[in-house]
N, C-alpha and C. Protein backbone atom coordinates (compact mmCIF):
# COMPACT_ATOMS: atom_id res chain seq x y z
N MET A 1 0.85 -1.17 0.00
CA MET A 1 0.00 0.00 0.00
C MET A 1 0.89 1.24 0.00
N LYS A 2 0.45 2.25 -0.67
CA LYS A 2 1.21 3.50 -0.78
C LYS A 2 0.71 4.51 0.26
N LEU A 3 1.62 5.39 0.69
CA LEU A 3 1.25 6.43 1.65
C LEU A 3 0.16 7.33 1.07
N ALA A 4 0.19 7.59 -0.22
CA ALA A 4 -0.85 8.43 -0.84
C ALA A 4 -2.25 7.85 -0.61
N ALA A 5 -2.36 6.53 -0.66
CA ALA A 5 -3.66 5.89 -0.42
C ALA A 5 -4.08 6.03 1.03
N VAL A 6 -3.12 5.94 1.96
CA VAL A 6 -3.43 6.14 3.38
C VAL A 6 -3.90 7.57 3.60
N ARG A 7 -3.21 8.52 2.99
CA ARG A 7 -3.58 9.93 3.11
C ARG A 7 -5.01 10.16 2.61
N THR A 8 -5.34 9.60 1.46
CA THR A 8 -6.70 9.74 0.91
C THR A 8 -7.72 9.13 1.85
N LEU A 9 -7.42 7.96 2.37
CA LEU A 9 -8.31 7.27 3.29
C LEU A 9 -8.54 8.08 4.56
N ALA A 10 -7.46 8.55 5.18
CA ALA A 10 -7.57 9.30 6.43
C ALA A 10 -8.30 10.62 6.23
N LEU A 11 -7.95 11.34 5.18
CA LEU A 11 -8.56 12.65 4.96
C LEU A 11 -10.02 12.57 4.53
N ALA A 12 -10.48 11.39 4.13
CA ALA A 12 -11.89 11.20 3.78
C ALA A 12 -12.78 11.07 5.03
N LEU A 13 -12.17 10.81 6.18
CA LEU A 13 -12.93 10.69 7.42
C LEU A 13 -13.35 12.08 7.90
N PRO A 14 -14.46 12.19 8.61
CA PRO A 14 -14.95 13.50 9.06
C PRO A 14 -13.95 14.26 9.93
N GLU A 15 -13.77 15.53 9.58
CA GLU A 15 -12.99 16.50 10.35
C GLU A 15 -11.54 16.12 10.58
N VAL A 16 -10.96 15.40 9.64
CA VAL A 16 -9.55 15.01 9.74
C VAL A 16 -8.68 16.07 9.07
N THR A 17 -7.58 16.39 9.74
CA THR A 17 -6.58 17.29 9.19
C THR A 17 -5.23 16.58 9.21
N GLU A 18 -4.35 17.06 8.35
CA GLU A 18 -2.98 16.55 8.32
C GLU A 18 -2.08 17.67 8.80
N ALA A 19 -1.17 17.35 9.72
CA ALA A 19 -0.28 18.37 10.28
C ALA A 19 1.04 17.73 10.68
N PRO A 20 2.12 18.51 10.69
CA PRO A 20 3.38 17.97 11.17
C PRO A 20 3.31 17.68 12.67
N HIS A 21 4.07 16.69 13.08
CA HIS A 21 4.20 16.36 14.50
C HIS A 21 5.68 16.06 14.73
N HIS A 22 6.42 17.08 15.18
CA HIS A 22 7.88 17.01 15.28
C HIS A 22 8.41 16.68 13.88
N HIS A 23 9.15 15.61 13.70
CA HIS A 23 9.67 15.27 12.36
C HIS A 23 8.79 14.21 11.67
N PHE A 24 7.62 13.96 12.22
CA PHE A 24 6.64 13.02 11.66
C PHE A 24 5.50 13.80 11.02
N GLY A 25 4.77 13.14 10.13
CA GLY A 25 3.49 13.66 9.69
C GLY A 25 2.42 13.09 10.62
N SER A 26 1.25 13.71 10.65
CA SER A 26 0.18 13.15 11.49
C SER A 26 -1.18 13.45 10.90
N PHE A 27 -2.13 12.58 11.23
CA PHE A 27 -3.53 12.78 10.90
C PHE A 27 -4.26 12.91 12.22
N ARG A 28 -5.14 13.92 12.29
CA ARG A 28 -5.81 14.25 13.55
C ARG A 28 -7.30 14.44 13.31
N VAL A 29 -8.06 14.13 14.34
CA VAL A 29 -9.49 14.45 14.34
C VAL A 29 -9.71 15.40 15.51
N ARG A 30 -10.15 16.60 15.18
CA ARG A 30 -10.31 17.67 16.18
C ARG A 30 -9.09 17.80 17.07
N GLY A 31 -7.93 17.77 16.43
CA GLY A 31 -6.67 17.99 17.12
C GLY A 31 -6.05 16.77 17.76
N LYS A 32 -6.75 15.64 17.82
CA LYS A 32 -6.22 14.43 18.45
C LYS A 32 -5.60 13.52 17.40
N ILE A 33 -4.35 13.17 17.60
CA ILE A 33 -3.61 12.34 16.65
C ILE A 33 -4.10 10.90 16.71
N PHE A 34 -4.38 10.34 15.52
CA PHE A 34 -4.75 8.92 15.47
C PHE A 34 -3.83 8.12 14.55
N VAL A 35 -3.06 8.77 13.69
CA VAL A 35 -2.06 8.11 12.84
C VAL A 35 -0.87 9.06 12.70
N THR A 36 0.34 8.51 12.81
CA THR A 36 1.53 9.29 12.48
C THR A 36 2.30 8.59 11.36
N VAL A 37 3.10 9.39 10.66
CA VAL A 37 3.89 8.89 9.53
C VAL A 37 5.36 9.23 9.80
N PRO A 38 6.20 8.20 10.06
CA PRO A 38 7.62 8.45 10.27
C PRO A 38 8.27 9.02 9.01
N PRO A 39 9.44 9.65 9.15
CA PRO A 39 10.11 10.26 8.00
C PRO A 39 10.38 9.29 6.84
N ASP A 40 10.55 7.99 7.11
CA ASP A 40 10.83 7.05 6.02
C ASP A 40 9.63 6.87 5.08
N GLN A 41 8.44 7.22 5.54
CA GLN A 41 7.19 7.13 4.77
C GLN A 41 6.90 5.72 4.25
N GLN A 42 7.53 4.73 4.85
CA GLN A 42 7.29 3.33 4.50
C GLN A 42 6.45 2.63 5.56
N HIS A 43 6.17 3.36 6.65
CA HIS A 43 5.41 2.83 7.78
C HIS A 43 4.38 3.86 8.20
N ILE A 44 3.38 3.39 8.93
CA ILE A 44 2.49 4.30 9.65
C ILE A 44 2.36 3.76 11.07
N HIS A 45 2.13 4.67 11.98
CA HIS A 45 1.87 4.32 13.38
C HIS A 45 0.40 4.60 13.62
N VAL A 46 -0.33 3.57 14.02
CA VAL A 46 -1.78 3.68 14.17
C VAL A 46 -2.12 3.46 15.64
N PHE A 47 -2.80 4.42 16.24
CA PHE A 47 -3.10 4.40 17.67
C PHE A 47 -4.48 3.79 17.91
N VAL A 48 -4.48 2.46 17.99
CA VAL A 48 -5.72 1.71 18.21
C VAL A 48 -5.73 1.14 19.62
N ALA A 49 -6.92 0.81 20.08
CA ALA A 49 -7.10 0.22 21.41
C ALA A 49 -6.51 -1.19 21.45
N GLU A 50 -6.30 -1.66 22.66
CA GLU A 50 -5.65 -2.95 22.86
C GLU A 50 -6.35 -4.10 22.12
N ALA A 51 -7.67 -4.15 22.16
CA ALA A 51 -8.40 -5.26 21.50
C ALA A 51 -8.10 -5.29 20.01
N HIS A 52 -8.11 -4.13 19.37
CA HIS A 52 -7.82 -4.05 17.93
C HIS A 52 -6.35 -4.36 17.65
N ARG A 53 -5.49 -3.84 18.51
CA ARG A 53 -4.05 -4.06 18.35
C ARG A 53 -3.71 -5.54 18.43
N GLU A 54 -4.19 -6.21 19.44
CA GLU A 54 -3.85 -7.62 19.62
C GLU A 54 -4.39 -8.48 18.48
N LEU A 55 -5.57 -8.15 18.00
CA LEU A 55 -6.14 -8.89 16.86
C LEU A 55 -5.29 -8.68 15.61
N ALA A 56 -4.90 -7.44 15.33
CA ALA A 56 -4.07 -7.16 14.15
C ALA A 56 -2.71 -7.84 14.26
N LEU A 57 -2.12 -7.82 15.45
CA LEU A 57 -0.82 -8.47 15.65
C LEU A 57 -0.90 -9.97 15.42
N ALA A 58 -1.98 -10.59 15.90
CA ALA A 58 -2.15 -12.03 15.74
C ALA A 58 -2.43 -12.43 14.30
N MET A 59 -3.22 -11.63 13.61
CA MET A 59 -3.65 -12.00 12.26
C MET A 59 -2.69 -11.57 11.16
N HIS A 60 -1.87 -10.54 11.41
CA HIS A 60 -1.02 -9.99 10.34
C HIS A 60 0.41 -9.71 10.80
N PRO A 61 1.08 -10.69 11.37
CA PRO A 61 2.44 -10.46 11.87
C PRO A 61 3.45 -10.12 10.77
N GLU A 62 3.09 -10.40 9.53
CA GLU A 62 4.01 -10.12 8.42
C GLU A 62 4.15 -8.62 8.13
N PHE A 63 3.20 -7.80 8.59
CA PHE A 63 3.34 -6.35 8.35
C PHE A 63 2.88 -5.48 9.52
N VAL A 64 2.45 -6.08 10.63
CA VAL A 64 2.03 -5.32 11.81
C VAL A 64 2.91 -5.70 12.99
N GLU A 65 3.40 -4.70 13.70
CA GLU A 65 4.18 -4.95 14.92
C GLU A 65 3.75 -3.96 16.00
N ARG A 66 4.11 -4.27 17.24
CA ARG A 66 3.77 -3.39 18.37
C ARG A 66 4.46 -2.05 18.21
N LEU A 67 3.77 -1.00 18.60
CA LEU A 67 4.33 0.35 18.62
C LEU A 67 4.54 0.74 20.07
N LEU A 68 5.80 0.93 20.42
CA LEU A 68 6.16 1.29 21.79
C LEU A 68 6.44 2.79 21.89
N TRP A 69 6.03 3.36 23.00
CA TRP A 69 6.34 4.75 23.30
C TRP A 69 6.57 4.83 24.79
N GLY A 70 7.76 5.19 25.19
CA GLY A 70 8.09 5.24 26.61
C GLY A 70 8.00 3.88 27.28
N GLY A 71 8.27 2.82 26.53
CA GLY A 71 8.21 1.47 27.08
C GLY A 71 6.81 0.88 27.14
N LYS A 72 5.83 1.64 26.73
CA LYS A 72 4.44 1.17 26.76
C LYS A 72 3.95 0.93 25.33
N VAL A 73 3.16 -0.11 25.13
CA VAL A 73 2.57 -0.39 23.82
C VAL A 73 1.39 0.55 23.64
N VAL A 74 1.43 1.37 22.58
CA VAL A 74 0.39 2.39 22.38
C VAL A 74 -0.39 2.21 21.07
N GLY A 75 0.00 1.25 20.27
CA GLY A 75 -0.67 1.04 18.98
C GLY A 75 0.12 0.06 18.16
N VAL A 76 0.01 0.21 16.83
CA VAL A 76 0.72 -0.69 15.92
C VAL A 76 1.53 0.11 14.89
N ARG A 77 2.62 -0.50 14.49
CA ARG A 77 3.45 0.03 13.40
C ARG A 77 3.17 -0.87 12.20
N VAL A 78 2.77 -0.27 11.10
CA VAL A 78 2.39 -1.02 9.90
C VAL A 78 3.41 -0.75 8.80
N SER A 79 3.97 -1.81 8.22
CA SER A 79 4.88 -1.71 7.09
C SER A 79 4.04 -1.61 5.82
N LEU A 80 4.01 -0.43 5.22
CA LEU A 80 3.12 -0.19 4.08
C LEU A 80 3.41 -1.05 2.86
N PRO A 81 4.68 -1.29 2.48
CA PRO A 81 4.90 -2.09 1.27
C PRO A 81 4.30 -3.50 1.34
N GLN A 82 4.22 -4.08 2.54
CA GLN A 82 3.68 -5.43 2.69
C GLN A 82 2.20 -5.44 3.09
N ALA A 83 1.67 -4.30 3.48
CA ALA A 83 0.34 -4.24 4.09
C ALA A 83 -0.81 -4.47 3.12
N SER A 84 -1.84 -5.08 3.66
CA SER A 84 -3.11 -5.24 2.95
C SER A 84 -3.90 -3.94 3.09
N ALA A 85 -4.41 -3.44 1.98
CA ALA A 85 -5.19 -2.19 2.01
C ALA A 85 -6.42 -2.33 2.91
N ALA A 86 -7.07 -3.47 2.89
CA ALA A 86 -8.27 -3.66 3.71
C ALA A 86 -7.93 -3.60 5.20
N VAL A 87 -6.80 -4.16 5.60
CA VAL A 87 -6.40 -4.13 7.00
C VAL A 87 -6.03 -2.71 7.42
N VAL A 88 -5.28 -2.02 6.57
CA VAL A 88 -4.91 -0.63 6.88
C VAL A 88 -6.17 0.22 7.01
N ARG A 89 -7.10 0.06 6.10
CA ARG A 89 -8.35 0.82 6.15
C ARG A 89 -9.07 0.58 7.49
N ARG A 90 -9.18 -0.69 7.89
CA ARG A 90 -9.85 -1.02 9.14
C ARG A 90 -9.13 -0.40 10.33
N LEU A 91 -7.81 -0.51 10.37
CA LEU A 91 -7.05 0.05 11.49
C LEU A 91 -7.19 1.58 11.56
N VAL A 92 -7.11 2.24 10.42
CA VAL A 92 -7.24 3.70 10.40
C VAL A 92 -8.63 4.11 10.88
N HIS A 93 -9.66 3.42 10.42
CA HIS A 93 -11.02 3.72 10.87
C HIS A 93 -11.17 3.48 12.37
N GLN A 94 -10.59 2.39 12.87
CA GLN A 94 -10.68 2.09 14.30
C GLN A 94 -9.95 3.16 15.12
N ALA A 95 -8.81 3.61 14.65
CA ALA A 95 -8.06 4.66 15.35
C ALA A 95 -8.85 5.97 15.35
N TRP A 96 -9.48 6.29 14.21
CA TRP A 96 -10.30 7.51 14.13
C TRP A 96 -11.43 7.42 15.16
N GLU A 97 -12.11 6.27 15.20
CA GLU A 97 -13.22 6.10 16.15
C GLU A 97 -12.75 6.23 17.60
N GLN A 98 -11.54 5.79 17.87
CA GLN A 98 -10.98 5.86 19.22
C GLN A 98 -10.77 7.31 19.65
N LYS A 99 -10.39 8.17 18.72
CA LYS A 99 -10.05 9.56 19.05
C LYS A 99 -11.18 10.55 18.80
N ALA A 100 -12.10 10.23 17.92
CA ALA A 100 -13.16 11.18 17.57
C ALA A 100 -14.13 11.36 18.74
N PRO A 101 -14.66 12.57 18.91
CA PRO A 101 -15.67 12.80 19.95
C PRO A 101 -16.93 11.97 19.67
N VAL A 102 -17.65 11.67 20.73
CA VAL A 102 -18.87 10.85 20.63
C VAL A 102 -19.84 11.44 19.61
N THR A 103 -20.04 12.74 19.62
CA THR A 103 -21.01 13.36 18.71
C THR A 103 -20.59 13.18 17.25
N LEU A 104 -19.31 13.23 16.98
CA LEU A 104 -18.83 13.04 15.61
C LEU A 104 -18.97 11.59 15.18
N ARG A 105 -18.68 10.67 16.08
CA ARG A 105 -18.86 9.25 15.77
C ARG A 105 -20.34 8.96 15.51
N ALA A 106 -21.21 9.54 16.31
CA ALA A 106 -22.65 9.32 16.14
C ALA A 106 -23.12 9.86 14.80
N ALA A 107 -22.58 10.99 14.39
CA ALA A 107 -22.97 11.58 13.10
C ALA A 107 -22.52 10.70 11.94
N ARG A 108 -21.41 10.01 12.12
CA ARG A 108 -20.90 9.11 11.08
C ARG A 108 -21.74 7.84 11.00
N GLY A 109 -22.32 7.43 12.11
CA GLY A 109 -23.18 6.25 12.12
C GLY A 109 -22.43 5.00 12.56
N ALA A 110 -23.14 3.93 12.67
CA ALA A 110 -22.59 2.67 13.15
C ALA A 110 -21.58 2.09 12.16
N GLY A 111 -21.76 2.36 10.88
CA GLY A 111 -20.81 1.94 9.86
C GLY A 111 -20.45 0.48 9.94
N ASP A 112 -19.21 0.20 10.25
CA ASP A 112 -18.73 -1.18 10.26
C ASP A 112 -18.67 -1.75 11.68
N ALA A 113 -19.66 -1.45 12.49
CA ALA A 113 -19.66 -1.90 13.88
C ALA A 113 -19.52 -3.42 13.99
N TRP A 114 -20.04 -4.15 13.04
CA TRP A 114 -19.97 -5.61 13.09
C TRP A 114 -18.54 -6.11 13.02
N ARG A 115 -17.60 -5.30 12.54
CA ARG A 115 -16.21 -5.74 12.44
C ARG A 115 -15.45 -5.54 13.75
N ARG A 116 -16.00 -4.77 14.67
CA ARG A 116 -15.31 -4.48 15.91
C ARG A 116 -15.55 -5.58 16.93
N PRO A 117 -14.59 -5.79 17.85
CA PRO A 117 -14.83 -6.75 18.92
C PRO A 117 -16.09 -6.37 19.69
N ALA A 118 -16.79 -7.35 20.23
CA ALA A 118 -18.04 -7.11 20.94
C ALA A 118 -17.88 -6.07 22.04
N SER A 119 -16.74 -6.05 22.71
CA SER A 119 -16.52 -5.10 23.80
C SER A 119 -16.42 -3.66 23.33
N CYS A 120 -16.32 -3.44 22.02
CA CYS A 120 -16.12 -2.09 21.48
C CYS A 120 -17.29 -1.61 20.63
N ARG A 121 -18.38 -2.33 20.58
CA ARG A 121 -19.44 -1.98 19.64
C ARG A 121 -20.28 -0.78 20.06
N ARG A 122 -20.40 -0.52 21.34
CA ARG A 122 -21.23 0.60 21.78
C ARG A 122 -20.43 1.86 21.99
N ALA A 123 -19.15 1.74 22.22
CA ALA A 123 -18.27 2.88 22.49
C ALA A 123 -16.88 2.50 22.02
N PRO A 124 -15.98 3.47 21.89
CA PRO A 124 -14.63 3.10 21.49
C PRO A 124 -13.98 2.21 22.53
N CYS A 125 -13.10 1.35 22.07
CA CYS A 125 -12.40 0.46 23.00
C CYS A 125 -11.52 1.29 23.91
N LYS A 126 -11.45 0.88 25.13
CA LYS A 126 -10.56 1.51 26.10
C LYS A 126 -9.52 0.49 26.52
N SER A 127 -8.27 0.89 26.47
CA SER A 127 -7.23 0.01 26.98
C SER A 127 -7.25 0.08 28.49
N PRO A 128 -6.96 -1.03 29.15
CA PRO A 128 -6.97 -1.02 30.63
C PRO A 128 -5.91 -0.12 31.20
């Protein structure tokens, strides 16, 4: 998958902006970062809840790995050249839902709620 496709996907979500974040690029919903792009532009960092992260790690170890920040796992690092577009799309949407305000999520609708773990269907997943 190409970074241009990720950019198109992210910017198509409601109220998403692209802005620099130190030496990284970032996608934000109402100022909250849900995806960052390292300078190599061959990876993306996606800030998803633990349930989504663990599922992606188990199902797609060939292009998804844990994203650590300060020794804590905060999301996933996705290798774009090897990544499946469908998986990237799902992760980006899940990260957006995690960061978007309740009113904005409600305006977007239930969408792909059936794809989310049962514990996350009524509200965004919360990591313990």
